[in-house]
Amino acid sequence: MLRRLAGDDPEVNEEWNCDKGRWGFQYGTAADRLTTPMVRDEKTKLLREASWPEALARAAEGLRAAKDANGVGVLTGGRLTIEDAYAYSKFARVVLGTNDIDFRARPLSEEESAFLASNVVGATDVTYADVEAAPAVVLVGLEPEEECPILFLRLRKAYLKRKLPVYAVAPFASPGLAKIGATVYR
């Protein structure tokens, strides 16, 4: 592929595509990626390596216990293929016996938006332009270069243009946070 055109949404992407956000998934080659199943040891409460049959059996036990307690829901996010979403919904309904399934990436109704604004995130109508023009930005548990590249690009643009103050509550100063001049609070 030589070129891919961005969606026509200048409020979000300023007519640019975010290659990293679309193609730059690095988790598959990360040095700290788990390559064998892990289960919690019942005595020590620490994670230990396990075989696939043992790990799948433990997962099935956990799902069975949650199902018996009427405590199962499926939350996958909004980036699934249609086929994967269908498979998860069938699994949830047939195997787990629940209709509590959520694939959305954004609020569905005004009621949900109001709930999120008052109980979860404080505001749901902040635009990228608002972030770019903000007097300061506080990031909590978010590494924008890796997790939200368009936000990262807007923060970097504002930092380079006018030294936007960015404060991050994070376990360490990542390279992405350094690129936007973030002050990190561990």
N, C-alpha and C. Protein backbone atom coordinates (compact mmCIF):
# COMPACT_ATOMS: atom_id res chain seq x y z
N MET A 1 0.84 -1.17 0.00
CA MET A 1 0.00 0.00 0.00
C MET A 1 0.89 1.23 0.00
N LEU A 2 0.63 2.13 -0.89
CA LEU A 2 1.42 3.35 -0.99
C LEU A 2 0.75 4.53 -0.30
N ARG A 3 -0.57 4.57 -0.33
CA ARG A 3 -1.25 5.71 0.25
C ARG A 3 -2.66 5.32 0.67
N ARG A 4 -3.09 5.89 1.76
CA ARG A 4 -4.45 5.68 2.25
C ARG A 4 -5.00 7.05 2.60
N LEU A 5 -6.17 7.37 2.11
CA LEU A 5 -6.76 8.68 2.35
C LEU A 5 -7.46 8.69 3.70
N ALA A 6 -7.35 9.82 4.39
CA ALA A 6 -8.02 9.98 5.67
C ALA A 6 -9.51 10.19 5.46
N GLY A 7 -10.28 9.89 6.49
CA GLY A 7 -11.70 10.19 6.46
C GLY A 7 -11.89 11.70 6.44
N ASP A 8 -12.97 12.15 5.87
CA ASP A 8 -13.24 13.59 5.75
C ASP A 8 -13.82 14.09 7.06
N ASP A 9 -12.96 14.31 8.04
CA ASP A 9 -13.38 14.79 9.36
C ASP A 9 -12.32 15.72 9.91
N PRO A 10 -12.21 16.93 9.38
CA PRO A 10 -11.13 17.83 9.77
C PRO A 10 -11.13 18.21 11.25
N GLU A 11 -12.29 18.15 11.91
CA GLU A 11 -12.32 18.45 13.34
C GLU A 11 -11.52 17.43 14.14
N VAL A 12 -11.42 16.23 13.61
CA VAL A 12 -10.68 15.18 14.31
C VAL A 12 -9.26 15.06 13.77
N ASN A 13 -9.11 14.86 12.49
CA ASN A 13 -7.80 14.49 11.96
C ASN A 13 -7.14 15.55 11.08
N GLU A 14 -7.75 16.71 10.96
CA GLU A 14 -7.19 17.77 10.12
C GLU A 14 -6.80 17.24 8.74
N GLU A 15 -7.59 16.28 8.26
CA GLU A 15 -7.41 15.64 6.96
C GLU A 15 -6.13 14.82 6.84
N TRP A 16 -5.55 14.44 7.98
CA TRP A 16 -4.38 13.57 8.00
C TRP A 16 -4.78 12.22 8.55
N ASN A 17 -4.15 11.21 8.06
CA ASN A 17 -4.32 9.88 8.60
C ASN A 17 -3.32 9.67 9.72
N CYS A 18 -3.68 8.93 10.70
CA CYS A 18 -2.75 8.58 11.76
C CYS A 18 -2.24 7.17 11.48
N ASP A 19 -1.09 7.08 10.84
CA ASP A 19 -0.54 5.78 10.47
C ASP A 19 -0.28 4.91 11.69
N LYS A 20 0.24 5.52 12.74
CA LYS A 20 0.55 4.73 13.93
C LYS A 20 -0.72 4.17 14.55
N GLY A 21 -1.74 5.01 14.64
CA GLY A 21 -3.00 4.55 15.22
C GLY A 21 -3.66 3.47 14.39
N ARG A 22 -3.48 3.51 13.10
CA ARG A 22 -4.12 2.54 12.22
C ARG A 22 -3.29 1.27 12.02
N TRP A 23 -1.97 1.43 11.95
CA TRP A 23 -1.13 0.28 11.60
C TRP A 23 -0.06 -0.07 12.63
N GLY A 24 0.21 0.80 13.59
CA GLY A 24 1.38 0.63 14.44
C GLY A 24 1.15 -0.13 15.72
N PHE A 25 0.57 -1.29 15.66
CA PHE A 25 0.35 -2.08 16.87
C PHE A 25 1.64 -2.81 17.23
N GLN A 26 2.19 -2.48 18.37
CA GLN A 26 3.47 -3.05 18.78
C GLN A 26 3.35 -4.12 19.84
N TYR A 27 2.14 -4.35 20.34
CA TYR A 27 2.00 -5.30 21.44
C TYR A 27 2.44 -6.71 21.06
N GLY A 28 2.34 -7.07 19.81
CA GLY A 28 2.71 -8.42 19.39
C GLY A 28 4.19 -8.71 19.51
N THR A 29 5.01 -7.68 19.51
CA THR A 29 6.46 -7.88 19.60
C THR A 29 7.06 -7.26 20.85
N ALA A 30 6.21 -6.84 21.79
CA ALA A 30 6.70 -6.21 23.02
C ALA A 30 7.51 -7.19 23.85
N ALA A 31 8.59 -6.71 24.44
CA ALA A 31 9.48 -7.57 25.23
C ALA A 31 8.78 -8.15 26.46
N ASP A 32 7.80 -7.43 27.01
CA ASP A 32 7.13 -7.90 28.22
C ASP A 32 5.81 -8.64 27.92
N ARG A 33 5.61 -9.01 26.66
CA ARG A 33 4.38 -9.71 26.28
C ARG A 33 4.37 -11.12 26.86
N LEU A 34 3.22 -11.52 27.37
CA LEU A 34 3.07 -12.88 27.87
C LEU A 34 3.01 -13.84 26.69
N THR A 35 3.79 -14.90 26.75
CA THR A 35 3.80 -15.87 25.66
C THR A 35 3.31 -17.24 26.10
N THR A 36 3.09 -17.40 27.39
CA THR A 36 2.51 -18.64 27.91
C THR A 36 1.39 -18.25 28.87
N PRO A 37 0.40 -19.12 29.03
CA PRO A 37 -0.70 -18.80 29.94
C PRO A 37 -0.20 -18.66 31.38
N MET A 38 -0.88 -17.81 32.12
CA MET A 38 -0.57 -17.61 33.53
C MET A 38 -1.84 -17.83 34.35
N VAL A 39 -1.69 -18.48 35.48
CA VAL A 39 -2.81 -18.64 36.42
C VAL A 39 -2.33 -18.24 37.80
N ARG A 40 -3.28 -17.85 38.64
CA ARG A 40 -2.93 -17.47 40.01
C ARG A 40 -2.85 -18.71 40.88
N ASP A 41 -1.71 -18.89 41.53
CA ASP A 41 -1.52 -20.00 42.45
C ASP A 41 -2.42 -19.80 43.66
N GLU A 42 -3.19 -20.82 44.01
CA GLU A 42 -4.16 -20.68 45.10
C GLU A 42 -3.50 -20.49 46.46
N LYS A 43 -2.30 -21.02 46.65
CA LYS A 43 -1.62 -20.89 47.95
C LYS A 43 -0.87 -19.57 48.06
N THR A 44 -0.04 -19.26 47.07
CA THR A 44 0.81 -18.06 47.17
C THR A 44 0.12 -16.81 46.64
N LYS A 45 -0.96 -16.99 45.87
CA LYS A 45 -1.68 -15.88 45.24
C LYS A 45 -0.85 -15.17 44.17
N LEU A 46 0.27 -15.75 43.77
CA LEU A 46 1.11 -15.18 42.73
C LEU A 46 0.80 -15.86 41.39
N LEU A 47 1.07 -15.15 40.29
CA LEU A 47 0.88 -15.75 38.98
C LEU A 47 2.02 -16.71 38.69
N ARG A 48 1.65 -17.81 38.02
CA ARG A 48 2.65 -18.79 37.61
C ARG A 48 2.28 -19.29 36.23
N GLU A 49 3.29 -19.81 35.52
CA GLU A 49 3.03 -20.37 34.20
C GLU A 49 2.17 -21.62 34.32
N ALA A 50 1.33 -21.82 33.30
CA ALA A 50 0.45 -22.99 33.28
C ALA A 50 0.34 -23.50 31.86
N SER A 51 -0.13 -24.72 31.74
CA SER A 51 -0.39 -25.27 30.40
C SER A 51 -1.68 -24.66 29.87
N TRP A 52 -1.87 -24.75 28.56
CA TRP A 52 -3.12 -24.25 27.98
C TRP A 52 -4.34 -24.98 28.53
N PRO A 53 -4.32 -26.30 28.64
CA PRO A 53 -5.50 -26.98 29.20
C PRO A 53 -5.83 -26.51 30.63
N GLU A 54 -4.80 -26.32 31.46
CA GLU A 54 -5.05 -25.85 32.82
C GLU A 54 -5.61 -24.42 32.81
N ALA A 55 -5.02 -23.55 32.01
CA ALA A 55 -5.46 -22.15 31.96
C ALA A 55 -6.90 -22.05 31.44
N LEU A 56 -7.22 -22.80 30.40
CA LEU A 56 -8.58 -22.77 29.86
C LEU A 56 -9.58 -23.35 30.86
N ALA A 57 -9.18 -24.39 31.57
CA ALA A 57 -10.06 -24.97 32.60
C ALA A 57 -10.32 -23.96 33.71
N ARG A 58 -9.28 -23.24 34.13
CA ARG A 58 -9.45 -22.22 35.18
C ARG A 58 -10.32 -21.08 34.70
N ALA A 59 -10.16 -20.67 33.44
CA ALA A 59 -11.00 -19.62 32.89
C ALA A 59 -12.46 -20.07 32.84
N ALA A 60 -12.68 -21.31 32.42
CA ALA A 60 -14.04 -21.85 32.37
C ALA A 60 -14.65 -21.89 33.76
N GLU A 61 -13.87 -22.29 34.77
CA GLU A 61 -14.36 -22.31 36.16
C GLU A 61 -14.78 -20.91 36.60
N GLY A 62 -13.97 -19.92 36.28
CA GLY A 62 -14.29 -18.54 36.65
C GLY A 62 -15.56 -18.05 35.97
N LEU A 63 -15.70 -18.33 34.67
CA LEU A 63 -16.91 -17.93 33.95
C LEU A 63 -18.13 -18.66 34.49
N ARG A 64 -17.97 -19.94 34.81
CA ARG A 64 -19.09 -20.72 35.36
C ARG A 64 -19.53 -20.13 36.70
N ALA A 65 -18.58 -19.80 37.56
CA ALA A 65 -18.90 -19.22 38.86
C ALA A 65 -19.59 -17.87 38.70
N ALA A 66 -19.11 -17.04 37.78
CA ALA A 66 -19.73 -15.74 37.56
C ALA A 66 -21.14 -15.91 36.98
N LYS A 67 -21.31 -16.86 36.07
CA LYS A 67 -22.62 -17.13 35.49
C LYS A 67 -23.60 -17.57 36.57
N ASP A 68 -23.15 -18.46 37.44
CA ASP A 68 -24.01 -18.95 38.52
C ASP A 68 -24.40 -17.83 39.48
N ALA A 69 -23.54 -16.83 39.61
CA ALA A 69 -23.82 -15.70 40.50
C ALA A 69 -24.52 -14.56 39.76
N ASN A 70 -24.93 -14.80 38.51
CA ASN A 70 -25.56 -13.77 37.67
C ASN A 70 -24.69 -12.53 37.56
N GLY A 71 -23.38 -12.73 37.42
CA GLY A 71 -22.48 -11.60 37.36
C GLY A 71 -21.64 -11.55 36.11
N VAL A 72 -22.19 -11.94 34.98
CA VAL A 72 -21.39 -11.96 33.76
C VAL A 72 -21.87 -10.87 32.81
N GLY A 73 -20.91 -10.18 32.26
CA GLY A 73 -21.16 -9.22 31.20
C GLY A 73 -19.99 -9.30 30.24
N VAL A 74 -20.20 -8.92 29.00
CA VAL A 74 -19.15 -8.95 27.99
C VAL A 74 -18.93 -7.51 27.50
N LEU A 75 -17.73 -7.01 27.69
CA LEU A 75 -17.38 -5.66 27.27
C LEU A 75 -16.13 -5.76 26.41
N THR A 76 -16.31 -5.55 25.10
CA THR A 76 -15.19 -5.76 24.18
C THR A 76 -14.64 -4.48 23.59
N GLY A 77 -15.38 -3.40 23.62
CA GLY A 77 -14.95 -2.18 22.95
C GLY A 77 -15.46 -2.17 21.52
N GLY A 78 -15.21 -1.09 20.83
CA GLY A 78 -15.81 -0.90 19.51
C GLY A 78 -14.90 -1.17 18.33
N ARG A 79 -13.82 -1.92 18.51
CA ARG A 79 -12.89 -2.10 17.39
C ARG A 79 -12.89 -3.53 16.85
N LEU A 80 -13.97 -4.26 17.05
CA LEU A 80 -14.04 -5.63 16.56
C LEU A 80 -14.54 -5.66 15.12
N THR A 81 -14.20 -6.73 14.45
CA THR A 81 -14.83 -6.97 13.15
C THR A 81 -16.27 -7.39 13.41
N ILE A 82 -17.11 -7.31 12.40
CA ILE A 82 -18.51 -7.73 12.55
C ILE A 82 -18.57 -9.20 12.94
N GLU A 83 -17.70 -10.01 12.34
CA GLU A 83 -17.70 -11.44 12.63
C GLU A 83 -17.31 -11.71 14.09
N ASP A 84 -16.30 -11.00 14.60
CA ASP A 84 -15.90 -11.18 15.99
C ASP A 84 -17.00 -10.71 16.94
N ALA A 85 -17.63 -9.58 16.63
CA ALA A 85 -18.73 -9.09 17.47
C ALA A 85 -19.86 -10.11 17.52
N TYR A 86 -20.18 -10.70 16.38
CA TYR A 86 -21.23 -11.72 16.32
C TYR A 86 -20.84 -12.93 17.18
N ALA A 87 -19.59 -13.37 17.05
CA ALA A 87 -19.14 -14.54 17.81
C ALA A 87 -19.19 -14.26 19.32
N TYR A 88 -18.73 -13.08 19.73
CA TYR A 88 -18.79 -12.74 21.16
C TYR A 88 -20.23 -12.68 21.65
N SER A 89 -21.13 -12.12 20.84
CA SER A 89 -22.52 -12.02 21.28
C SER A 89 -23.15 -13.40 21.39
N LYS A 90 -22.85 -14.29 20.46
CA LYS A 90 -23.36 -15.67 20.54
C LYS A 90 -22.80 -16.38 21.78
N PHE A 91 -21.51 -16.22 22.03
CA PHE A 91 -20.89 -16.82 23.21
C PHE A 91 -21.55 -16.30 24.48
N ALA A 92 -21.76 -14.99 24.55
CA ALA A 92 -22.36 -14.39 25.74
C ALA A 92 -23.78 -14.92 25.96
N ARG A 93 -24.56 -14.97 24.90
CA ARG A 93 -25.96 -15.37 25.06
C ARG A 93 -26.12 -16.87 25.26
N VAL A 94 -25.43 -17.67 24.46
CA VAL A 94 -25.63 -19.12 24.50
C VAL A 94 -24.86 -19.77 25.64
N VAL A 95 -23.59 -19.44 25.78
CA VAL A 95 -22.75 -20.11 26.78
C VAL A 95 -22.89 -19.46 28.16
N LEU A 96 -22.82 -18.13 28.21
CA LEU A 96 -22.85 -17.44 29.50
C LEU A 96 -24.26 -17.09 29.96
N GLY A 97 -25.23 -17.15 29.04
CA GLY A 97 -26.62 -16.87 29.41
C GLY A 97 -26.87 -15.42 29.78
N THR A 98 -26.18 -14.48 29.13
CA THR A 98 -26.37 -13.07 29.44
C THR A 98 -26.64 -12.26 28.19
N ASN A 99 -27.43 -11.21 28.37
CA ASN A 99 -27.63 -10.23 27.31
C ASN A 99 -26.85 -8.97 27.60
N ASP A 100 -26.02 -8.99 28.63
CA ASP A 100 -25.21 -7.84 29.00
C ASP A 100 -23.95 -7.81 28.14
N ILE A 101 -24.09 -7.21 26.96
CA ILE A 101 -23.02 -7.18 25.97
C ILE A 101 -22.87 -5.73 25.51
N ASP A 102 -21.64 -5.25 25.45
CA ASP A 102 -21.43 -3.87 25.02
C ASP A 102 -20.23 -3.82 24.08
N PHE A 103 -20.47 -3.39 22.84
CA PHE A 103 -19.42 -3.28 21.84
C PHE A 103 -19.11 -1.83 21.49
N ARG A 104 -19.82 -0.90 22.11
CA ARG A 104 -19.72 0.49 21.69
C ARG A 104 -18.41 1.14 22.10
N ALA A 105 -17.99 2.09 21.29
CA ALA A 105 -16.81 2.88 21.61
C ALA A 105 -17.20 4.26 22.11
N ARG A 106 -18.49 4.63 21.95
CA ARG A 106 -18.97 5.95 22.35
C ARG A 106 -20.34 5.82 23.01
N PRO A 107 -20.74 6.82 23.80
CA PRO A 107 -22.08 6.77 24.42
C PRO A 107 -23.18 6.65 23.38
N LEU A 108 -24.24 5.96 23.76
CA LEU A 108 -25.33 5.67 22.84
C LEU A 108 -26.48 6.67 22.95
N SER A 109 -26.70 7.23 24.14
CA SER A 109 -27.86 8.09 24.34
C SER A 109 -27.48 9.32 25.15
N GLU A 110 -28.38 10.30 25.18
CA GLU A 110 -28.16 11.49 26.00
C GLU A 110 -28.09 11.11 27.48
N GLU A 111 -28.93 10.16 27.89
CA GLU A 111 -28.91 9.71 29.28
C GLU A 111 -27.54 9.14 29.66
N GLU A 112 -26.98 8.32 28.77
CA GLU A 112 -25.67 7.74 29.02
C GLU A 112 -24.59 8.81 29.03
N SER A 113 -24.66 9.75 28.11
CA SER A 113 -23.70 10.85 28.08
C SER A 113 -23.75 11.66 29.37
N ALA A 114 -24.97 11.94 29.85
CA ALA A 114 -25.12 12.70 31.09
C ALA A 114 -24.55 11.93 32.27
N PHE A 115 -24.79 10.61 32.31
CA PHE A 115 -24.24 9.79 33.39
C PHE A 115 -22.72 9.81 33.35
N LEU A 116 -22.14 9.60 32.17
CA LEU A 116 -20.69 9.61 32.05
C LEU A 116 -20.10 10.96 32.45
N ALA A 117 -20.75 12.04 32.02
CA ALA A 117 -20.25 13.37 32.33
C ALA A 117 -20.28 13.66 33.82
N SER A 118 -21.29 13.17 34.51
CA SER A 118 -21.42 13.50 35.94
C SER A 118 -20.74 12.49 36.85
N ASN A 119 -20.51 11.28 36.39
CA ASN A 119 -20.00 10.24 37.27
C ASN A 119 -18.65 9.66 36.88
N VAL A 120 -18.26 9.81 35.63
CA VAL A 120 -17.07 9.10 35.17
C VAL A 120 -15.98 10.05 34.69
N VAL A 121 -16.23 10.79 33.66
CA VAL A 121 -15.15 11.54 33.02
C VAL A 121 -15.22 13.05 33.18
N GLY A 122 -16.29 13.57 33.73
CA GLY A 122 -16.36 15.01 33.94
C GLY A 122 -16.88 15.78 32.75
N ALA A 123 -16.59 15.37 31.55
CA ALA A 123 -17.11 16.04 30.35
C ALA A 123 -16.94 15.10 29.17
N THR A 124 -17.95 15.05 28.32
CA THR A 124 -17.86 14.16 27.16
C THR A 124 -17.88 14.92 25.85
N ASP A 125 -17.96 16.24 25.91
CA ASP A 125 -18.06 17.00 24.67
C ASP A 125 -16.79 17.79 24.35
N VAL A 126 -15.67 17.38 24.90
CA VAL A 126 -14.40 18.04 24.64
C VAL A 126 -13.90 17.60 23.27
N THR A 127 -13.55 18.57 22.44
CA THR A 127 -13.06 18.26 21.09
C THR A 127 -11.53 18.31 21.07
N TYR A 128 -10.95 17.84 19.98
CA TYR A 128 -9.50 17.95 19.82
C TYR A 128 -9.07 19.40 19.77
N ALA A 129 -9.90 20.25 19.16
CA ALA A 129 -9.59 21.68 19.12
C ALA A 129 -9.60 22.28 20.52
N ASP A 130 -10.53 21.82 21.38
CA ASP A 130 -10.56 22.28 22.77
C ASP A 130 -9.27 21.90 23.48
N VAL A 131 -8.82 20.68 23.28
CA VAL A 131 -7.59 20.21 23.93
C VAL A 131 -6.41 21.05 23.45
N GLU A 132 -6.36 21.27 22.15
CA GLU A 132 -5.26 22.04 21.56
C GLU A 132 -5.22 23.47 22.10
N ALA A 133 -6.39 24.04 22.40
CA ALA A 133 -6.47 25.43 22.88
C ALA A 133 -6.50 25.54 24.41
N ALA A 134 -6.50 24.43 25.11
CA ALA A 134 -6.61 24.44 26.57
C ALA A 134 -5.44 25.16 27.22
N PRO A 135 -5.66 25.76 28.39
CA PRO A 135 -4.55 26.40 29.10
C PRO A 135 -3.59 25.38 29.70
N ALA A 136 -4.08 24.17 29.97
CA ALA A 136 -3.25 23.08 30.48
C ALA A 136 -4.04 21.78 30.29
N VAL A 137 -3.32 20.66 30.28
CA VAL A 137 -3.95 19.35 30.11
C VAL A 137 -3.40 18.41 31.18
N VAL A 138 -4.30 17.63 31.79
CA VAL A 138 -3.91 16.62 32.77
C VAL A 138 -4.29 15.26 32.19
N LEU A 139 -3.32 14.37 32.10
CA LEU A 139 -3.54 13.00 31.63
C LEU A 139 -3.43 12.08 32.83
N VAL A 140 -4.39 11.21 33.02
CA VAL A 140 -4.35 10.26 34.13
C VAL A 140 -4.38 8.85 33.55
N GLY A 141 -3.28 8.14 33.71
CA GLY A 141 -3.20 6.77 33.24
C GLY A 141 -3.35 6.62 31.74
N LEU A 142 -2.89 7.60 30.98
CA LEU A 142 -3.00 7.56 29.52
C LEU A 142 -1.65 7.88 28.91
N GLU A 143 -1.20 7.04 28.02
CA GLU A 143 0.01 7.29 27.24
C GLU A 143 -0.48 7.61 25.84
N PRO A 144 -0.66 8.90 25.51
CA PRO A 144 -1.35 9.24 24.26
C PRO A 144 -0.64 8.79 23.00
N GLU A 145 0.69 8.78 22.97
CA GLU A 145 1.36 8.36 21.74
C GLU A 145 1.01 6.91 21.40
N GLU A 146 0.90 6.07 22.42
CA GLU A 146 0.59 4.66 22.19
C GLU A 146 -0.91 4.38 22.13
N GLU A 147 -1.69 5.08 22.95
CA GLU A 147 -3.10 4.73 23.11
C GLU A 147 -4.08 5.61 22.33
N CYS A 148 -3.69 6.83 22.01
CA CYS A 148 -4.59 7.75 21.31
C CYS A 148 -3.76 8.70 20.45
N PRO A 149 -3.21 8.20 19.36
CA PRO A 149 -2.25 8.97 18.57
C PRO A 149 -2.75 10.32 18.06
N ILE A 150 -4.03 10.44 17.73
CA ILE A 150 -4.53 11.73 17.25
C ILE A 150 -4.46 12.75 18.39
N LEU A 151 -4.82 12.34 19.59
CA LEU A 151 -4.69 13.22 20.75
C LEU A 151 -3.22 13.59 20.96
N PHE A 152 -2.34 12.61 20.84
CA PHE A 152 -0.91 12.86 20.98
C PHE A 152 -0.45 13.93 19.97
N LEU A 153 -0.87 13.79 18.72
CA LEU A 153 -0.46 14.75 17.69
C LEU A 153 -0.95 16.17 18.02
N ARG A 154 -2.18 16.27 18.52
CA ARG A 154 -2.71 17.58 18.90
C ARG A 154 -1.95 18.15 20.10
N LEU A 155 -1.65 17.31 21.09
CA LEU A 155 -0.89 17.77 22.25
C LEU A 155 0.51 18.21 21.85
N ARG A 156 1.14 17.43 20.99
CA ARG A 156 2.50 17.77 20.54
C ARG A 156 2.49 19.08 19.74
N LYS A 157 1.49 19.24 18.89
CA LYS A 157 1.37 20.47 18.11
C LYS A 157 1.25 21.68 19.04
N ALA A 158 0.40 21.57 20.07
CA ALA A 158 0.21 22.69 21.00
C ALA A 158 1.46 22.90 21.86
N TYR A 159 2.13 21.82 22.22
CA TYR A 159 3.36 21.95 23.01
C TYR A 159 4.45 22.66 22.20
N LEU A 160 4.63 22.25 20.96
CA LEU A 160 5.67 22.86 20.12
C LEU A 160 5.32 24.30 19.75
N LYS A 161 4.05 24.57 19.54
CA LYS A 161 3.62 25.89 19.09
C LYS A 161 3.61 26.91 20.23
N ARG A 162 3.09 26.48 21.42
CA ARG A 162 2.93 27.46 22.49
C ARG A 162 3.29 26.94 23.88
N LYS A 163 4.04 25.83 23.92
CA LYS A 163 4.48 25.23 25.19
C LYS A 163 3.31 24.89 26.10
N LEU A 164 2.27 24.24 25.56
CA LEU A 164 1.13 23.80 26.34
C LEU A 164 1.61 23.02 27.56
N PRO A 165 1.22 23.41 28.77
CA PRO A 165 1.59 22.63 29.95
C PRO A 165 0.78 21.33 30.00
N VAL A 166 1.48 20.20 30.06
CA VAL A 166 0.83 18.89 30.15
C VAL A 166 1.33 18.23 31.42
N TYR A 167 0.40 17.72 32.22
CA TYR A 167 0.72 17.03 33.46
C TYR A 167 0.19 15.61 33.33
N ALA A 168 1.01 14.64 33.71
CA ALA A 168 0.62 13.25 33.56
C ALA A 168 0.77 12.51 34.89
N VAL A 169 -0.28 11.80 35.28
CA VAL A 169 -0.20 10.89 36.41
C VAL A 169 0.08 9.53 35.79
N ALA A 170 1.30 9.04 35.98
CA ALA A 170 1.74 7.82 35.29
C ALA A 170 2.84 7.15 36.11
N PRO A 171 3.07 5.86 35.90
CA PRO A 171 4.10 5.16 36.66
C PRO A 171 5.52 5.55 36.26
N PHE A 172 5.68 6.10 35.04
CA PHE A 172 7.01 6.52 34.59
C PHE A 172 6.85 7.51 33.44
N ALA A 173 7.94 8.19 33.14
CA ALA A 173 7.94 9.14 32.02
C ALA A 173 8.26 8.38 30.75
N SER A 174 7.26 8.17 29.92
CA SER A 174 7.46 7.45 28.66
C SER A 174 8.08 8.38 27.62
N PRO A 175 8.63 7.83 26.55
CA PRO A 175 9.13 8.68 25.47
C PRO A 175 8.03 9.58 24.90
N GLY A 176 6.81 9.08 24.80
CA GLY A 176 5.71 9.88 24.28
C GLY A 176 5.40 11.07 25.17
N LEU A 177 5.41 10.86 26.48
CA LEU A 177 5.16 11.96 27.41
C LEU A 177 6.28 12.99 27.33
N ALA A 178 7.50 12.52 27.12
CA ALA A 178 8.63 13.45 26.98
C ALA A 178 8.46 14.31 25.73
N LYS A 179 7.92 13.74 24.66
CA LYS A 179 7.76 14.49 23.40
C LYS A 179 6.73 15.61 23.50
N ILE A 180 5.84 15.52 24.49
CA ILE A 180 4.86 16.59 24.67
C ILE A 180 5.20 17.44 25.90
N GLY A 181 6.40 17.26 26.42
CA GLY A 181 6.88 18.07 27.53
C GLY A 181 6.13 17.87 28.83
N ALA A 182 5.56 16.70 29.01
CA ALA A 182 4.72 16.45 30.19
C ALA A 182 5.54 16.43 31.48
N THR A 183 4.97 17.00 32.51
CA THR A 183 5.49 16.86 33.87
C THR A 183 4.80 15.62 34.43
N VAL A 184 5.58 14.63 34.85
CA VAL A 184 5.03 13.36 35.29
C VAL A 184 4.99 13.29 36.81
N TYR A 185 3.82 12.91 37.32
CA TYR A 185 3.63 12.66 38.75
C TYR A 185 3.40 11.18 38.93
N ARG A 186 4.34 10.52 39.57
CA ARG A 186 4.24 9.07 39.75
C ARG A 186 3.30 8.72 40.88
